[in-house]
N, C-alpha and C. Protein backbone atom coordinates (compact mmCIF):
# COMPACT_ATOMS: atom_id res chain seq x y z
N MET A 1 6.51 60.36 -5.04
CA MET A 1 7.50 59.64 -6.01
C MET A 1 6.98 59.53 -7.31
N ILE A 2 6.39 60.54 -7.82
CA ILE A 2 5.63 60.72 -9.00
C ILE A 2 6.89 60.89 -10.02
N LYS A 3 6.92 59.95 -11.35
CA LYS A 3 7.92 60.36 -12.20
C LYS A 3 7.25 60.74 -13.41
N TRP A 4 8.20 61.18 -14.32
CA TRP A 4 7.61 61.94 -15.45
C TRP A 4 6.90 60.79 -16.50
N SER A 5 7.74 59.48 -16.09
CA SER A 5 6.78 58.51 -17.04
C SER A 5 5.58 58.08 -16.78
N ASP A 6 5.07 58.70 -15.61
CA ASP A 6 3.79 58.08 -15.03
C ASP A 6 2.65 59.19 -15.37
N VAL A 7 3.23 60.69 -16.04
CA VAL A 7 2.50 61.59 -16.64
C VAL A 7 2.24 61.48 -18.37
N LYS A 8 0.88 61.42 -18.75
CA LYS A 8 0.70 61.07 -19.98
C LYS A 8 -0.22 62.30 -20.67
N GLY A 9 -0.02 62.46 -21.56
CA GLY A 9 -0.75 63.61 -22.37
C GLY A 9 -0.10 65.05 -22.35
N MET A 10 1.07 65.31 -21.90
CA MET A 10 1.78 66.52 -21.99
C MET A 10 2.01 67.11 -23.08
N ASP A 11 1.68 66.06 -24.05
CA ASP A 11 2.10 66.85 -25.62
C ASP A 11 0.85 67.71 -25.75
N ARG A 12 -0.19 67.41 -25.44
CA ARG A 12 -1.22 68.35 -25.53
C ARG A 12 -1.88 68.79 -23.93
N PRO A 13 -1.22 69.91 -23.28
CA PRO A 13 -1.44 69.96 -21.89
C PRO A 13 -2.82 70.78 -21.44
N VAL A 14 -3.88 70.16 -21.93
CA VAL A 14 -5.13 70.71 -21.63
C VAL A 14 -6.14 69.74 -20.69
N GLU A 15 -6.88 70.27 -19.97
CA GLU A 15 -7.75 69.39 -19.01
C GLU A 15 -8.40 68.45 -19.81
N GLY A 16 -8.54 66.90 -19.37
CA GLY A 16 -9.14 66.06 -20.10
C GLY A 16 -8.26 65.02 -21.11
N HIS A 17 -7.06 65.80 -21.39
CA HIS A 17 -6.14 64.92 -21.90
C HIS A 17 -4.87 64.19 -21.15
N VAL A 18 -4.86 64.89 -20.27
CA VAL A 18 -3.39 64.62 -19.27
C VAL A 18 -4.01 63.68 -18.12
N THR A 19 -3.30 62.42 -18.01
CA THR A 19 -3.44 61.96 -16.64
C THR A 19 -2.14 61.31 -16.05
N LEU A 20 -2.35 61.01 -14.64
CA LEU A 20 -1.28 60.54 -13.86
C LEU A 20 -1.46 59.60 -13.46
N THR A 21 -0.58 58.40 -13.56
CA THR A 21 -0.69 57.12 -12.83
C THR A 21 0.09 57.33 -11.33
N LEU A 22 -0.64 57.02 -10.32
CA LEU A 22 -0.12 56.92 -9.10
C LEU A 22 0.03 55.64 -8.62
N ARG A 23 1.35 55.16 -8.66
CA ARG A 23 1.75 53.89 -8.26
C ARG A 23 2.16 53.71 -6.71
N HIS A 24 2.57 54.82 -6.01
CA HIS A 24 2.90 54.81 -4.58
C HIS A 24 1.68 55.15 -3.62
N THR A 25 0.84 54.58 -3.48
CA THR A 25 -0.63 55.00 -2.91
C THR A 25 -0.55 54.44 -1.33
N LYS A 26 -1.04 55.21 -0.55
CA LYS A 26 -1.30 54.77 1.10
C LYS A 26 -2.27 53.18 0.75
N GLY A 27 -3.11 53.05 0.10
CA GLY A 27 -3.78 51.60 -0.02
C GLY A 27 -3.13 50.64 -1.03
N ARG A 28 -1.73 50.93 -1.46
CA ARG A 28 -0.94 50.20 -2.43
C ARG A 28 -1.72 49.93 -3.60
N LYS A 29 -2.62 50.70 -4.14
CA LYS A 29 -3.22 50.46 -5.23
C LYS A 29 -3.10 51.61 -6.40
N VAL A 30 -2.79 50.87 -7.53
CA VAL A 30 -2.23 51.96 -8.74
C VAL A 30 -3.66 52.18 -8.95
N ARG A 31 -3.62 53.61 -9.34
CA ARG A 31 -4.69 54.35 -10.03
C ARG A 31 -4.29 55.33 -10.82
N THR A 32 -4.99 55.53 -11.87
CA THR A 32 -4.82 56.72 -12.89
C THR A 32 -5.81 57.78 -12.70
N ILE A 33 -5.47 58.94 -12.66
CA ILE A 33 -6.46 60.07 -12.37
C ILE A 33 -6.16 61.22 -13.53
N THR A 34 -7.29 61.74 -14.12
CA THR A 34 -7.19 62.79 -14.88
C THR A 34 -7.02 64.09 -14.32
N LEU A 35 -5.96 64.85 -14.95
CA LEU A 35 -5.76 65.98 -14.08
C LEU A 35 -6.38 67.18 -14.38
N ARG A 36 -6.88 68.29 -13.48
CA ARG A 36 -7.41 69.36 -13.83
C ARG A 36 -6.54 70.21 -14.53
N GLN A 37 -6.93 71.48 -15.37
CA GLN A 37 -5.76 72.30 -15.57
C GLN A 37 -5.11 73.18 -14.60
N GLN A 38 -5.56 73.41 -13.70
CA GLN A 38 -4.40 73.91 -12.59
C GLN A 38 -3.43 73.12 -12.40
N ALA A 39 -3.50 71.87 -12.12
CA ALA A 39 -2.37 70.92 -11.93
C ALA A 39 -1.45 70.86 -13.09
N ILE A 40 -2.22 70.92 -14.36
CA ILE A 40 -1.34 70.94 -15.49
C ILE A 40 -0.63 72.15 -15.76
N ASP A 41 -0.93 73.19 -15.49
CA ASP A 41 -0.23 74.34 -15.61
C ASP A 41 0.68 74.44 -14.38
N ILE A 42 0.89 73.79 -13.53
CA ILE A 42 1.74 73.64 -12.58
C ILE A 42 3.05 72.74 -13.01
N LEU A 43 2.58 71.50 -13.53
CA LEU A 43 3.34 70.72 -14.24
C LEU A 43 4.38 71.30 -15.39
N VAL A 44 3.30 72.02 -16.05
CA VAL A 44 4.28 72.53 -17.43
C VAL A 44 5.33 73.77 -16.98
N LYS A 45 5.25 74.19 -15.54
CA LYS A 45 6.09 75.01 -15.19
C LYS A 45 7.44 74.28 -14.45
N ILE A 46 7.28 73.00 -14.15
CA ILE A 46 8.26 72.10 -13.20
C ILE A 46 9.35 71.97 -14.55
N PRO A 47 10.72 72.29 -14.07
CA PRO A 47 11.69 72.01 -14.66
C PRO A 47 12.14 70.60 -14.73
N ARG A 48 12.61 70.08 -15.71
CA ARG A 48 12.95 68.40 -15.56
C ARG A 48 14.43 68.42 -15.48
N SER A 49 14.85 67.41 -14.86
CA SER A 49 16.08 67.03 -14.19
C SER A 49 16.81 65.75 -15.48
N ASN A 50 18.01 66.20 -15.79
CA ASN A 50 18.71 65.30 -16.60
C ASN A 50 19.01 64.03 -15.72
N ARG A 51 19.31 64.55 -14.41
CA ARG A 51 19.60 63.32 -13.27
C ARG A 51 18.58 62.56 -12.52
N SER A 52 17.47 62.97 -12.79
CA SER A 52 16.21 62.64 -11.95
C SER A 52 15.14 62.32 -12.81
N PRO A 53 14.37 61.21 -12.61
CA PRO A 53 13.17 60.79 -13.50
C PRO A 53 11.84 61.40 -12.57
N HIS A 54 12.07 61.95 -11.73
CA HIS A 54 11.08 62.52 -10.83
C HIS A 54 10.47 63.53 -10.84
N VAL A 55 8.97 63.82 -10.83
CA VAL A 55 8.69 65.31 -11.07
C VAL A 55 9.15 66.47 -10.06
N PHE A 56 9.02 65.82 -8.88
CA PHE A 56 9.54 66.54 -7.57
C PHE A 56 11.01 66.39 -7.38
N TRP A 57 11.93 66.90 -7.98
CA TRP A 57 13.34 66.66 -7.71
C TRP A 57 14.02 67.99 -7.22
N ASN A 58 15.23 67.72 -6.46
CA ASN A 58 15.88 68.58 -6.07
C ASN A 58 17.28 67.99 -5.52
N LYS A 59 18.42 68.51 -5.71
CA LYS A 59 19.53 68.20 -5.11
C LYS A 59 19.69 68.17 -3.62
N THR A 60 19.91 67.12 -2.97
CA THR A 60 19.68 67.12 -1.47
C THR A 60 20.71 66.10 -1.03
N GLU A 61 21.12 65.71 0.27
CA GLU A 61 21.70 64.79 0.76
C GLU A 61 21.33 63.47 0.30
N GLU A 62 20.06 63.36 -0.12
CA GLU A 62 19.51 61.76 -0.27
C GLU A 62 19.39 61.78 -1.84
N GLY A 63 20.12 62.74 -2.73
CA GLY A 63 20.17 62.56 -4.15
C GLY A 63 19.58 63.70 -4.73
N TYR A 64 18.70 63.09 -5.83
CA TYR A 64 18.13 64.14 -6.71
C TYR A 64 16.67 63.67 -6.50
N TYR A 65 16.03 63.47 -5.31
CA TYR A 65 14.61 63.14 -5.06
C TYR A 65 14.46 63.51 -3.69
N ARG A 66 13.42 64.36 -3.46
CA ARG A 66 12.76 64.64 -2.04
C ARG A 66 11.18 64.75 -2.26
N GLY A 67 10.72 63.93 -1.76
CA GLY A 67 9.11 63.97 -1.85
C GLY A 67 8.21 65.26 -1.50
N PRO A 68 7.21 65.51 -2.27
CA PRO A 68 6.69 66.90 -1.96
C PRO A 68 6.19 66.98 -0.58
N ALA A 69 5.61 65.96 -0.05
CA ALA A 69 5.35 66.08 1.45
C ALA A 69 6.52 66.62 2.31
N ASN A 70 7.82 65.96 1.91
CA ASN A 70 8.86 66.51 2.79
C ASN A 70 9.24 68.03 2.44
N LEU A 71 9.14 68.30 1.13
CA LEU A 71 9.45 69.98 0.84
C LEU A 71 8.38 70.63 1.28
N PHE A 72 7.18 70.29 1.50
CA PHE A 72 6.02 71.26 2.11
C PHE A 72 6.08 71.10 3.52
N TRP A 73 6.64 70.02 4.11
CA TRP A 73 7.03 70.38 5.70
C TRP A 73 8.11 71.23 5.93
N ASP A 74 8.98 71.09 4.86
CA ASP A 74 10.42 72.11 5.40
C ASP A 74 9.61 73.78 5.16
N TYR A 75 8.89 73.95 4.02
CA TYR A 75 8.32 75.08 4.00
C TYR A 75 7.73 75.43 4.91
N ALA A 76 6.60 74.51 5.54
CA ALA A 76 5.65 74.95 6.87
C ALA A 76 6.57 75.41 7.92
N GLN A 77 7.56 74.55 8.25
CA GLN A 77 8.68 74.79 9.29
C GLN A 77 9.15 76.41 9.21
N GLU A 78 9.69 76.38 8.04
CA GLU A 78 10.26 78.00 7.76
C GLU A 78 9.31 78.92 7.92
N THR A 79 7.97 78.75 7.32
CA THR A 79 6.97 79.91 7.52
C THR A 79 6.16 79.73 8.83
N GLY A 80 6.02 78.94 9.48
CA GLY A 80 5.22 78.78 10.44
C GLY A 80 3.85 78.27 10.18
N PHE A 81 3.60 77.90 9.11
CA PHE A 81 2.39 77.57 8.34
C PHE A 81 1.79 76.44 9.32
N GLY A 82 2.14 75.62 9.82
CA GLY A 82 1.76 74.68 10.84
C GLY A 82 0.81 73.44 10.49
N ALA A 83 1.20 73.06 9.07
CA ALA A 83 0.24 71.87 8.49
C ALA A 83 1.20 71.18 7.68
N ARG A 84 0.66 70.02 7.34
CA ARG A 84 1.17 69.02 6.72
C ARG A 84 0.55 68.83 5.41
N LEU A 85 1.60 68.51 4.33
CA LEU A 85 0.49 68.17 2.94
C LEU A 85 -0.55 67.30 3.32
N HIS A 86 -0.48 66.33 4.07
CA HIS A 86 -1.44 65.35 4.11
C HIS A 86 -2.76 65.85 4.85
N ASP A 87 -2.34 67.18 5.57
CA ASP A 87 -3.92 67.95 6.15
C ASP A 87 -4.47 68.51 4.95
N ILE A 88 -4.17 68.80 3.97
CA ILE A 88 -4.71 69.29 2.69
C ILE A 88 -5.89 68.21 2.28
N ARG A 89 -5.13 67.04 2.08
CA ARG A 89 -6.06 65.80 1.88
C ARG A 89 -7.49 65.87 2.85
N HIS A 90 -7.25 65.86 4.15
CA HIS A 90 -8.17 65.95 5.05
C HIS A 90 -9.23 67.19 4.91
N LYS A 91 -8.69 68.34 4.35
CA LYS A 91 -9.31 69.45 4.38
C LYS A 91 -10.14 69.14 2.95
N PHE A 92 -9.74 68.68 2.07
CA PHE A 92 -10.49 68.26 0.87
C PHE A 92 -11.89 67.58 0.99
N ALA A 93 -11.51 66.48 1.69
CA ALA A 93 -12.41 65.36 2.17
C ALA A 93 -13.50 66.06 3.05
N ILE A 94 -13.44 66.84 3.97
CA ILE A 94 -14.20 67.69 4.71
C ILE A 94 -15.12 68.43 4.17
N GLU A 95 -14.37 69.09 3.47
CA GLU A 95 -15.14 70.33 2.49
C GLU A 95 -16.07 69.66 1.48
N ARG A 96 -15.54 68.72 0.83
CA ARG A 96 -16.68 67.96 -0.02
C ARG A 96 -17.76 67.47 0.63
N LEU A 97 -17.82 66.86 1.64
CA LEU A 97 -18.57 66.20 2.62
C LEU A 97 -19.59 67.50 2.81
N ARG A 98 -19.11 68.62 3.48
CA ARG A 98 -19.81 69.69 3.86
C ARG A 98 -20.48 70.27 2.78
N GLU A 99 -20.36 70.06 1.50
CA GLU A 99 -20.71 70.57 0.43
C GLU A 99 -21.99 69.79 -0.12
N GLY A 100 -22.00 68.54 0.38
CA GLY A 100 -23.09 67.62 0.12
C GLY A 100 -22.67 66.45 -0.66
N TRP A 101 -21.55 66.19 -1.05
CA TRP A 101 -20.99 65.27 -1.69
C TRP A 101 -21.34 63.90 -1.04
N SER A 102 -21.59 62.84 -1.76
CA SER A 102 -21.86 61.39 -1.26
C SER A 102 -20.46 60.89 -0.44
N VAL A 103 -20.58 60.20 0.36
CA VAL A 103 -19.56 59.64 1.25
C VAL A 103 -18.89 58.43 0.22
N TYR A 104 -19.54 58.14 -0.66
CA TYR A 104 -18.99 56.96 -1.47
C TYR A 104 -18.13 57.70 -2.68
N ARG A 105 -18.66 58.81 -3.20
CA ARG A 105 -17.60 59.83 -4.00
C ARG A 105 -16.51 60.14 -3.16
N VAL A 106 -16.51 60.55 -2.19
CA VAL A 106 -15.54 61.02 -1.46
C VAL A 106 -14.57 59.80 -1.09
N GLN A 107 -15.08 58.91 -0.83
CA GLN A 107 -14.22 57.63 -0.81
C GLN A 107 -13.18 57.33 -1.84
N ARG A 108 -13.81 57.34 -2.91
CA ARG A 108 -13.22 57.27 -4.39
C ARG A 108 -11.99 58.04 -4.52
N TYR A 109 -12.34 59.13 -4.21
CA TYR A 109 -11.55 60.52 -4.56
C TYR A 109 -10.35 60.45 -3.61
N ILE A 110 -10.59 60.00 -2.59
CA ILE A 110 -9.54 59.82 -1.49
C ILE A 110 -8.82 58.58 -1.62
N GLY A 111 -9.32 57.56 -1.87
CA GLY A 111 -9.04 56.29 -2.12
C GLY A 111 -8.85 55.27 -1.10
N HIS A 112 -9.58 55.35 0.00
CA HIS A 112 -9.83 54.59 1.16
C HIS A 112 -10.42 53.32 0.39
N GLY A 113 -10.10 52.21 1.07
CA GLY A 113 -10.49 50.87 0.44
C GLY A 113 -12.08 50.68 1.11
N SER A 114 -12.56 51.29 1.96
CA SER A 114 -13.72 51.08 2.52
C SER A 114 -14.40 52.42 2.82
N VAL A 115 -15.68 52.39 2.54
CA VAL A 115 -16.44 53.65 3.10
C VAL A 115 -16.25 53.92 4.68
N ASN A 116 -16.44 52.81 5.26
CA ASN A 116 -16.51 52.89 6.70
C ASN A 116 -14.91 53.92 7.32
N THR A 117 -13.91 53.63 6.55
CA THR A 117 -12.49 54.33 6.82
C THR A 117 -13.21 55.99 6.57
N THR A 118 -13.73 56.10 5.64
CA THR A 118 -13.89 57.67 5.21
C THR A 118 -14.98 58.37 6.09
N GLU A 119 -15.76 57.41 6.70
CA GLU A 119 -16.89 57.99 7.56
C GLU A 119 -15.94 57.95 9.23
N ARG A 120 -15.27 57.08 9.40
CA ARG A 120 -14.52 57.09 10.70
C ARG A 120 -13.62 58.46 10.82
N TYR A 121 -13.08 58.58 9.80
CA TYR A 121 -12.02 59.78 9.85
C TYR A 121 -12.78 61.27 9.65
N TYR A 122 -13.69 61.10 8.96
CA TYR A 122 -14.09 62.47 8.52
C TYR A 122 -15.81 62.88 9.03
N PHE A 123 -16.50 61.87 9.36
CA PHE A 123 -17.90 62.38 9.92
C PHE A 123 -18.07 62.90 11.31
N ARG A 124 -17.05 63.00 12.09
CA ARG A 124 -16.64 63.42 13.16
C ARG A 124 -16.63 65.11 13.05
N TYR A 125 -16.46 65.73 11.89
CA TYR A 125 -16.72 66.77 11.57
C TYR A 125 -17.63 67.44 11.03
N LEU A 126 -18.73 66.77 10.66
CA LEU A 126 -19.75 67.15 10.19
C LEU A 126 -21.03 66.89 11.02
N SER A 127 -22.04 67.86 11.07
CA SER A 127 -23.26 67.80 11.91
C SER A 127 -24.05 66.70 11.45
N ARG A 128 -25.19 66.23 12.32
CA ARG A 128 -25.99 64.95 12.02
C ARG A 128 -26.65 65.37 10.59
N GLU A 129 -27.03 66.63 10.21
CA GLU A 129 -27.61 66.73 8.87
C GLU A 129 -26.62 66.69 7.84
N GLN A 130 -25.53 66.94 8.00
CA GLN A 130 -24.46 66.54 6.85
C GLN A 130 -24.02 65.33 6.74
N GLN A 131 -24.09 64.51 7.95
CA GLN A 131 -23.82 63.09 7.67
C GLN A 131 -24.78 62.52 7.01
N GLU A 132 -26.30 62.83 7.22
CA GLU A 132 -27.35 62.13 6.54
C GLU A 132 -27.41 62.07 5.12
N ILE A 133 -27.09 63.97 4.53
CA ILE A 133 -27.02 64.18 3.31
C ILE A 133 -25.75 63.39 2.72
N ALA A 134 -24.70 62.95 3.25
CA ALA A 134 -23.65 62.16 2.71
C ALA A 134 -23.89 60.81 2.55
N ASN A 135 -24.86 60.33 3.33
CA ASN A 135 -25.41 58.97 2.96
C ASN A 135 -26.55 58.88 2.58
N ALA A 136 -27.27 59.71 2.11
CA ALA A 136 -28.65 59.74 1.50
C ALA A 136 -28.64 59.13 0.27
N ASP A 137 -27.77 59.60 -0.55
CA ASP A 137 -27.97 59.05 -2.17
C ASP A 137 -27.20 57.89 -2.44
N GLY A 138 -26.52 57.18 -1.29
CA GLY A 138 -25.98 55.96 -1.62
C GLY A 138 -25.17 55.94 -2.52
N ASN A 139 -24.91 55.15 -3.60
CA ASN A 139 -24.17 55.18 -4.57
C ASN A 139 -24.28 56.41 -5.84
N ALA A 140 -25.37 57.00 -5.66
CA ALA A 140 -25.77 57.63 -6.83
C ALA A 140 -25.08 59.05 -6.57
N GLY A 141 -24.40 59.27 -6.00
CA GLY A 141 -23.57 60.65 -5.74
C GLY A 141 -22.39 60.70 -6.49
N LEU A 142 -22.32 59.71 -7.51
CA LEU A 142 -20.93 59.82 -8.34
C LEU A 142 -20.67 60.84 -9.04
């Protein structure tokens, strides 16, 4: 449910200048993130609607907004992709942990309220050695 009013810095659409405030998060915490250039380039290409304040809008039975997760699901059904948008979030976390990121760093990126949640969801996909690496540096892996 991202609105254009939550995107700041598009007057100079370069990495390090554009931020996005996430107001509807799973943990109900408002967060502001700095967007990477790849995300900014996508936003630049999205047409704006005169009828909807949302970034991901389209004319549907529900009006002028349909969440990206719903659009992704429709696409996945149409193409036989077989994954949800949320699965990409899981893939991101698992890959970062396998690369040697600190579990605390992944927790912050994912937005879990507790590192225990991150461990519960993702450590089952890691070898014992990968788990030890993820826990080894404590909070130093920022």
